[in-house]
């Protein structure tokens, strides 16, 4: 056993980690961490728009890299910290064009070393890699839940209805920074990391929640 201390959002939380013995004869958590870091840095290099800073973890990512995931109290701190980063849409305009959103969801382009641009407008949402979007699809990722009928299941019949404000805000926040609601989420933090711009997130919102969207048919 070794004890590791996380300092998150001004608080200090002790996380107890169970470390398995190494084939080389064991070792401390610190030395194992150093070995992993050295291995990662030796395996990657700057190339094109992909830089080594992608290996840098924020405090939440470090906590979620611990075997077993972040303890419950640490997870709450991570979620609160990330929720504070969510930028709500200008003028309260949450929705765009669901047709553009569908194209975005099915587009996996962007952020690869051989892409020329770091401008979010040139990126796709890559949603299909982790989610089912349409029930007619025969191939889709299953890391995340199906998005088929996302708005319909949640009773969204009119996106301007004040009664659906909570699900609208949640969906925006989840797209903007998924760790605001699930500390160790694997979902890209589209807004927080500048992967997509505000207009693109609006289009995805329409894809998910607009009753006219193919997702909700």
C-alpha atoms as a PDB file:
ATOM      1  CA  UNK A   1       0.000   0.000   0.000  1.00  0.00           C
ATOM      2  CA  UNK A   2       1.134   3.531  -0.636  1.00  0.00           C
ATOM      3  CA  UNK A   3      -0.692   6.761   0.052  1.00  0.00           C
ATOM      4  CA  UNK A   4      -0.949   9.427  -2.598  1.00  0.00           C
ATOM      5  CA  UNK A   5      -2.264  12.920  -1.949  1.00  0.00           C
ATOM      6  CA  UNK A   6      -4.326  14.813  -4.501  1.00  0.00           C
ATOM      7  CA  UNK A   7      -4.703  18.576  -4.187  1.00  0.00           C
ATOM      8  CA  UNK A   8      -7.843  19.610  -6.025  1.00  0.00           C
ATOM      9  CA  UNK A   9      -9.851  22.839  -5.894  1.00  0.00           C
ATOM     10  CA  UNK A  10      -8.037  24.064  -2.823  1.00  0.00           C
ATOM     11  CA  UNK A  11      -8.609  20.860  -0.840  1.00  0.00           C
ATOM     12  CA  UNK A  12      -6.348  17.944  -0.062  1.00  0.00           C
ATOM     13  CA  UNK A  13      -7.649  14.413  -0.363  1.00  0.00           C
ATOM     14  CA  UNK A  14      -5.639  11.314   0.506  1.00  0.00           C
ATOM     15  CA  UNK A  15      -6.140   8.484  -1.955  1.00  0.00           C
ATOM     16  CA  UNK A  16      -4.900   5.071  -0.935  1.00  0.00           C
ATOM     17  CA  UNK A  17      -3.551   3.119  -3.846  1.00  0.00           C
ATOM     18  CA  UNK A  18      -2.996  -0.613  -3.984  1.00  0.00           C
ATOM     19  CA  UNK A  19       0.088  -1.236  -6.093  1.00  0.00           C
ATOM     20  CA  UNK A  20       0.731  -4.645  -7.583  1.00  0.00           C
ATOM     21  CA  UNK A  21       4.281  -5.965  -7.422  1.00  0.00           C
ATOM     22  CA  UNK A  22       6.363  -5.588 -10.559  1.00  0.00           C
ATOM     23  CA  UNK A  23       8.113  -8.412 -12.316  1.00  0.00           C
ATOM     24  CA  UNK A  24      11.314  -6.532 -11.695  1.00  0.00           C
ATOM     25  CA  UNK A  25      10.871  -6.916  -7.964  1.00  0.00           C
ATOM     26  CA  UNK A  26       8.307  -4.340  -6.933  1.00  0.00           C
ATOM     27  CA  UNK A  27       8.887  -0.657  -6.249  1.00  0.00           C
ATOM     28  CA  UNK A  28       7.177   2.448  -4.986  1.00  0.00           C
ATOM     29  CA  UNK A  29       4.287   4.264  -6.613  1.00  0.00           C
ATOM     30  CA  UNK A  30       6.598   7.180  -7.361  1.00  0.00           C
ATOM     31  CA  UNK A  31       9.111   5.062  -9.241  1.00  0.00           C
ATOM     32  CA  UNK A  32       6.354   3.341 -11.235  1.00  0.00           C
ATOM     33  CA  UNK A  33       4.889   6.714 -12.177  1.00  0.00           C
ATOM     34  CA  UNK A  34       8.318   7.865 -13.302  1.00  0.00           C
ATOM     35  CA  UNK A  35       8.746   4.729 -15.418  1.00  0.00           C
ATOM     36  CA  UNK A  36       5.389   5.272 -17.098  1.00  0.00           C
ATOM     37  CA  UNK A  37       6.181   8.922 -17.794  1.00  0.00           C
ATOM     38  CA  UNK A  38       9.548   8.007 -19.261  1.00  0.00           C
ATOM     39  CA  UNK A  39       7.962   5.325 -21.452  1.00  0.00           C
ATOM     40  CA  UNK A  40       5.302   7.750 -22.735  1.00  0.00           C
ATOM     41  CA  UNK A  41       7.820  10.478 -23.510  1.00  0.00           C
ATOM     42  CA  UNK A  42      10.078   8.054 -25.341  1.00  0.00           C
ATOM     43  CA  UNK A  43       7.173   6.661 -27.394  1.00  0.00           C
ATOM     44  CA  UNK A  44       5.800   9.968 -28.711  1.00  0.00           C
ATOM     45  CA  UNK A  45       7.197  13.061 -30.395  1.00  0.00           C
ATOM     46  CA  UNK A  46       6.009  16.387 -31.732  1.00  0.00           C
ATOM     47  CA  UNK A  47       4.668  15.941 -35.239  1.00  0.00           C
ATOM     48  CA  UNK A  48       2.529  18.382 -37.163  1.00  0.00           C
ATOM     49  CA  UNK A  49      -0.186  19.839 -34.952  1.00  0.00           C
ATOM     50  CA  UNK A  50       0.166  16.998 -32.418  1.00  0.00           C
ATOM     51  CA  UNK A  51       2.477  18.212 -29.678  1.00  0.00           C
ATOM     52  CA  UNK A  52       3.935  16.540 -26.611  1.00  0.00           C
ATOM     53  CA  UNK A  53       1.770  18.675 -24.342  1.00  0.00           C
ATOM     54  CA  UNK A  54      -1.034  16.190 -25.084  1.00  0.00           C
ATOM     55  CA  UNK A  55       0.662  13.942 -22.530  1.00  0.00           C
ATOM     56  CA  UNK A  56       0.234  16.540 -19.781  1.00  0.00           C
ATOM     57  CA  UNK A  57      -2.569  15.637 -17.373  1.00  0.00           C
ATOM     58  CA  UNK A  58      -4.623  18.055 -15.333  1.00  0.00           C
ATOM     59  CA  UNK A  59      -5.422  17.157 -11.731  1.00  0.00           C
ATOM     60  CA  UNK A  60      -8.673  15.437 -12.640  1.00  0.00           C
ATOM     61  CA  UNK A  61      -7.018  13.256 -15.277  1.00  0.00           C
ATOM     62  CA  UNK A  62      -4.298  12.276 -12.825  1.00  0.00           C
ATOM     63  CA  UNK A  63      -6.856  11.290 -10.198  1.00  0.00           C
ATOM     64  CA  UNK A  64      -8.803   9.216 -12.721  1.00  0.00           C
ATOM     65  CA  UNK A  65      -5.634   7.416 -13.829  1.00  0.00           C
ATOM     66  CA  UNK A  66      -5.355   5.770 -10.433  1.00  0.00           C
ATOM     67  CA  UNK A  67      -6.321   2.064 -10.480  1.00  0.00           C
ATOM     68  CA  UNK A  68      -9.968   1.862  -9.496  1.00  0.00           C
ATOM     69  CA  UNK A  69     -10.655   5.467 -10.450  1.00  0.00           C
ATOM     70  CA  UNK A  70     -10.993   8.557  -8.311  1.00  0.00           C
ATOM     71  CA  UNK A  71     -12.525   8.142  -4.822  1.00  0.00           C
ATOM     72  CA  UNK A  72     -16.057   9.522  -4.468  1.00  0.00           C
ATOM     73  CA  UNK A  73     -15.043  12.694  -2.633  1.00  0.00           C
ATOM     74  CA  UNK A  74     -12.307  13.440  -5.159  1.00  0.00           C
ATOM     75  CA  UNK A  75     -14.756  12.779  -8.011  1.00  0.00           C
ATOM     76  CA  UNK A  76     -17.153  15.380  -6.618  1.00  0.00           C
ATOM     77  CA  UNK A  77     -14.347  17.923  -6.472  1.00  0.00           C
ATOM     78  CA  UNK A  78     -13.327  17.152 -10.067  1.00  0.00           C
ATOM     79  CA  UNK A  79     -16.916  17.568 -11.256  1.00  0.00           C
ATOM     80  CA  UNK A  80     -17.362  20.868  -9.419  1.00  0.00           C
ATOM     81  CA  UNK A  81     -14.065  22.155 -10.763  1.00  0.00           C
ATOM     82  CA  UNK A  82     -14.996  21.256 -14.343  1.00  0.00           C
ATOM     83  CA  UNK A  83     -18.566  22.549 -14.071  1.00  0.00           C
ATOM     84  CA  UNK A  84     -17.101  25.945 -13.221  1.00  0.00           C
ATOM     85  CA  UNK A  85     -15.328  25.989 -16.609  1.00  0.00           C
ATOM     86  CA  UNK A  86     -18.497  25.547 -18.690  1.00  0.00           C
ATOM     87  CA  UNK A  87     -19.218  28.584 -20.852  1.00  0.00           C
ATOM     88  CA  UNK A  88     -22.919  28.826 -21.558  1.00  0.00           C
ATOM     89  CA  UNK A  89     -23.916  29.968 -25.063  1.00  0.00           C
ATOM     90  CA  UNK A  90     -23.984  33.642 -25.893  1.00  0.00           C
ATOM     91  CA  UNK A  91     -27.431  35.154 -25.553  1.00  0.00           C
ATOM     92  CA  UNK A  92     -28.838  31.877 -24.240  1.00  0.00           C
ATOM     93  CA  UNK A  93     -28.911  30.513 -27.811  1.00  0.00           C
ATOM     94  CA  UNK A  94     -28.479  26.756 -27.380  1.00  0.00           C
ATOM     95  CA  UNK A  95     -29.546  25.503 -30.797  1.00  0.00           C
ATOM     96  CA  UNK A  96     -28.300  25.574 -34.361  1.00  0.00           C
ATOM     97  CA  UNK A  97     -28.866  23.324 -37.380  1.00  0.00           C
ATOM     98  CA  UNK A  98     -29.472  19.609 -36.771  1.00  0.00           C
ATOM     99  CA  UNK A  99     -28.455  18.792 -40.351  1.00  0.00           C
ATOM    100  CA  UNK A 100     -25.056  20.369 -39.763  1.00  0.00           C
ATOM    101  CA  UNK A 101     -24.962  18.573 -36.418  1.00  0.00           C
ATOM    102  CA  UNK A 102     -25.493  15.193 -38.092  1.00  0.00           C
ATOM    103  CA  UNK A 103     -22.600  15.816 -40.494  1.00  0.00           C
ATOM    104  CA  UNK A 104     -20.444  16.887 -37.577  1.00  0.00           C
ATOM    105  CA  UNK A 105     -21.324  13.791 -35.539  1.00  0.00           C
ATOM    106  CA  UNK A 106     -20.341  11.508 -38.409  1.00  0.00           C
ATOM    107  CA  UNK A 107     -17.079  13.343 -39.101  1.00  0.00           C
ATOM    108  CA  UNK A 108     -13.960  12.034 -37.371  1.00  0.00           C
ATOM    109  CA  UNK A 109     -11.518  14.459 -38.932  1.00  0.00           C
ATOM    110  CA  UNK A 110      -9.314  16.717 -36.849  1.00  0.00           C
ATOM    111  CA  UNK A 111      -6.511  16.904 -34.282  1.00  0.00           C
ATOM    112  CA  UNK A 112      -4.413  14.224 -36.005  1.00  0.00           C
ATOM    113  CA  UNK A 113      -0.722  14.890 -36.619  1.00  0.00           C
ATOM    114  CA  UNK A 114      -1.276  15.126 -40.373  1.00  0.00           C
ATOM    115  CA  UNK A 115      -4.031  17.750 -40.154  1.00  0.00           C
ATOM    116  CA  UNK A 116      -2.863  21.222 -41.096  1.00  0.00           C
ATOM    117  CA  UNK A 117      -5.222  23.300 -38.984  1.00  0.00           C
ATOM    118  CA  UNK A 118      -5.971  23.615 -35.276  1.00  0.00           C
ATOM    119  CA  UNK A 119      -9.097  25.694 -35.995  1.00  0.00           C
ATOM    120  CA  UNK A 120     -12.176  23.954 -34.485  1.00  0.00           C
ATOM    121  CA  UNK A 121     -14.179  24.680 -37.642  1.00  0.00           C
ATOM    122  CA  UNK A 122     -12.021  22.077 -39.391  1.00  0.00           C
ATOM    123  CA  UNK A 123     -12.734  19.376 -36.783  1.00  0.00           C
ATOM    124  CA  UNK A 124     -15.461  16.757 -36.630  1.00  0.00           C
ATOM    125  CA  UNK A 125     -17.316  15.629 -33.541  1.00  0.00           C
ATOM    126  CA  UNK A 126     -16.353  11.961 -34.005  1.00  0.00           C
ATOM    127  CA  UNK A 127     -19.539  10.993 -32.126  1.00  0.00           C
ATOM    128  CA  UNK A 128     -20.099   7.820 -34.175  1.00  0.00           C
ATOM    129  CA  UNK A 129     -16.889   6.308 -32.800  1.00  0.00           C
ATOM    130  CA  UNK A 130     -18.455   5.950 -29.332  1.00  0.00           C
ATOM    131  CA  UNK A 131     -22.224   6.186 -29.829  1.00  0.00           C
ATOM    132  CA  UNK A 132     -25.059   4.872 -31.958  1.00  0.00           C
ATOM    133  CA  UNK A 133     -26.672   7.895 -33.590  1.00  0.00           C
ATOM    134  CA  UNK A 134     -29.281   6.346 -35.882  1.00  0.00           C
ATOM    135  CA  UNK A 135     -31.052   3.001 -35.474  1.00  0.00           C
ATOM    136  CA  UNK A 136     -30.346   2.236 -39.127  1.00  0.00           C
ATOM    137  CA  UNK A 137     -26.603   2.159 -38.497  1.00  0.00           C
ATOM    138  CA  UNK A 138     -24.992  -1.264 -38.663  1.00  0.00           C
ATOM    139  CA  UNK A 139     -21.630  -0.161 -37.291  1.00  0.00           C
ATOM    140  CA  UNK A 140     -20.983   2.238 -34.420  1.00  0.00           C
ATOM    141  CA  UNK A 141     -18.986   2.552 -31.235  1.00  0.00           C
ATOM    142  CA  UNK A 142     -20.259   1.302 -27.903  1.00  0.00           C
ATOM    143  CA  UNK A 143     -17.951   3.071 -25.440  1.00  0.00           C
ATOM    144  CA  UNK A 144     -20.799   5.513 -24.791  1.00  0.00           C
ATOM    145  CA  UNK A 145     -24.567   4.962 -24.637  1.00  0.00           C
ATOM    146  CA  UNK A 146     -26.786   5.065 -27.705  1.00  0.00           C
ATOM    147  CA  UNK A 147     -27.930   8.577 -28.648  1.00  0.00           C
ATOM    148  CA  UNK A 148     -30.876   7.258 -30.657  1.00  0.00           C
ATOM    149  CA  UNK A 149     -34.051   9.083 -29.542  1.00  0.00           C
ATOM    150  CA  UNK A 150     -32.000  11.133 -27.049  1.00  0.00           C
ATOM    151  CA  UNK A 151     -34.456  14.014 -26.925  1.00  0.00           C
ATOM    152  CA  UNK A 152     -37.582  11.927 -27.472  1.00  0.00           C
ATOM    153  CA  UNK A 153     -36.820   9.652 -24.515  1.00  0.00           C
ATOM    154  CA  UNK A 154     -36.378  12.737 -22.337  1.00  0.00           C
ATOM    155  CA  UNK A 155     -39.718  14.167 -23.394  1.00  0.00           C
ATOM    156  CA  UNK A 156     -38.399  17.095 -25.429  1.00  0.00           C
ATOM    157  CA  UNK A 157     -41.248  18.074 -27.730  1.00  0.00           C
ATOM    158  CA  UNK A 158     -40.350  21.752 -27.994  1.00  0.00           C
ATOM    159  CA  UNK A 159     -36.805  23.032 -27.351  1.00  0.00           C
ATOM    160  CA  UNK A 160     -38.209  26.420 -26.304  1.00  0.00           C
ATOM    161  CA  UNK A 161     -40.386  24.887 -23.566  1.00  0.00           C
ATOM    162  CA  UNK A 162     -39.154  26.166 -20.153  1.00  0.00           C
ATOM    163  CA  UNK A 163     -39.917  22.749 -18.666  1.00  0.00           C
ATOM    164  CA  UNK A 164     -37.058  21.186 -20.636  1.00  0.00           C
ATOM    165  CA  UNK A 165     -34.513  23.808 -19.554  1.00  0.00           C
ATOM    166  CA  UNK A 166     -32.741  21.405 -17.195  1.00  0.00           C
ATOM    167  CA  UNK A 167     -32.055  18.765 -19.862  1.00  0.00           C
ATOM    168  CA  UNK A 168     -31.029  21.482 -22.330  1.00  0.00           C
ATOM    169  CA  UNK A 169     -28.468  22.879 -19.885  1.00  0.00           C
ATOM    170  CA  UNK A 170     -27.229  19.423 -18.926  1.00  0.00           C
ATOM    171  CA  UNK A 171     -26.726  18.451 -22.572  1.00  0.00           C
ATOM    172  CA  UNK A 172     -24.826  21.655 -23.306  1.00  0.00           C
ATOM    173  CA  UNK A 173     -22.638  21.166 -20.235  1.00  0.00           C
ATOM    174  CA  UNK A 174     -21.971  17.526 -21.113  1.00  0.00           C
ATOM    175  CA  UNK A 175     -20.857  18.466 -24.626  1.00  0.00           C
ATOM    176  CA  UNK A 176     -18.791  21.398 -23.393  1.00  0.00           C
ATOM    177  CA  UNK A 177     -17.021  19.581 -20.561  1.00  0.00           C
ATOM    178  CA  UNK A 178     -18.137  16.012 -19.858  1.00  0.00           C
ATOM    179  CA  UNK A 179     -16.131  15.817 -16.628  1.00  0.00           C
ATOM    180  CA  UNK A 180     -18.507  18.368 -15.108  1.00  0.00           C
ATOM    181  CA  UNK A 181     -20.996  15.519 -14.652  1.00  0.00           C
ATOM    182  CA  UNK A 182     -18.861  12.369 -14.687  1.00  0.00           C
ATOM    183  CA  UNK A 183     -15.418  12.893 -13.203  1.00  0.00           C
ATOM    184  CA  UNK A 184     -13.687  10.105 -15.089  1.00  0.00           C
ATOM    185  CA  UNK A 185     -15.643  10.388 -18.335  1.00  0.00           C
ATOM    186  CA  UNK A 186     -13.847   9.246 -21.496  1.00  0.00           C
ATOM    187  CA  UNK A 187     -15.846  11.702 -23.606  1.00  0.00           C
ATOM    188  CA  UNK A 188     -13.885  14.525 -25.267  1.00  0.00           C
ATOM    189  CA  UNK A 189     -14.330  17.900 -23.579  1.00  0.00           C
ATOM    190  CA  UNK A 190     -15.347  19.616 -26.795  1.00  0.00           C
ATOM    191  CA  UNK A 191     -15.693  23.188 -25.577  1.00  0.00           C
ATOM    192  CA  UNK A 192     -13.247  23.119 -22.682  1.00  0.00           C
ATOM    193  CA  UNK A 193     -10.409  21.849 -24.873  1.00  0.00           C
ATOM    194  CA  UNK A 194     -11.336  23.966 -27.902  1.00  0.00           C
ATOM    195  CA  UNK A 195     -12.086  20.913 -30.045  1.00  0.00           C
ATOM    196  CA  UNK A 196     -15.357  22.414 -31.293  1.00  0.00           C
ATOM    197  CA  UNK A 197     -16.538  26.014 -31.338  1.00  0.00           C
ATOM    198  CA  UNK A 198     -19.778  27.348 -29.903  1.00  0.00           C
ATOM    199  CA  UNK A 199     -21.619  27.170 -33.215  1.00  0.00           C
ATOM    200  CA  UNK A 200     -20.688  23.525 -33.691  1.00  0.00           C
ATOM    201  CA  UNK A 201     -21.881  22.661 -30.196  1.00  0.00           C
ATOM    202  CA  UNK A 202     -25.193  24.376 -31.021  1.00  0.00           C
ATOM    203  CA  UNK A 203     -25.524  22.166 -34.084  1.00  0.00           C
ATOM    204  CA  UNK A 204     -24.906  19.027 -31.995  1.00  0.00           C
ATOM    205  CA  UNK A 205     -27.488  20.246 -29.478  1.00  0.00           C
ATOM    206  CA  UNK A 206     -30.054  20.416 -32.273  1.00  0.00           C
ATOM    207  CA  UNK A 207     -29.104  16.956 -33.487  1.00  0.00           C
ATOM    208  CA  UNK A 208     -29.737  15.545 -30.021  1.00  0.00           C
ATOM    209  CA  UNK A 209     -32.772  17.524 -28.901  1.00  0.00           C
ATOM    210  CA  UNK A 210     -34.686  18.982 -31.846  1.00  0.00           C
ATOM    211  CA  UNK A 211     -37.842  16.884 -32.373  1.00  0.00           C
ATOM    212  CA  UNK A 212     -37.311  17.235 -36.153  1.00  0.00           C
ATOM    213  CA  UNK A 213     -33.827  15.722 -35.976  1.00  0.00           C
ATOM    214  CA  UNK A 214     -33.378  12.209 -37.410  1.00  0.00           C
ATOM    215  CA  UNK A 215     -32.127  11.188 -33.983  1.00  0.00           C
ATOM    216  CA  UNK A 216     -35.614  11.696 -32.567  1.00  0.00           C
ATOM    217  CA  UNK A 217     -37.701  10.049 -35.298  1.00  0.00           C
END
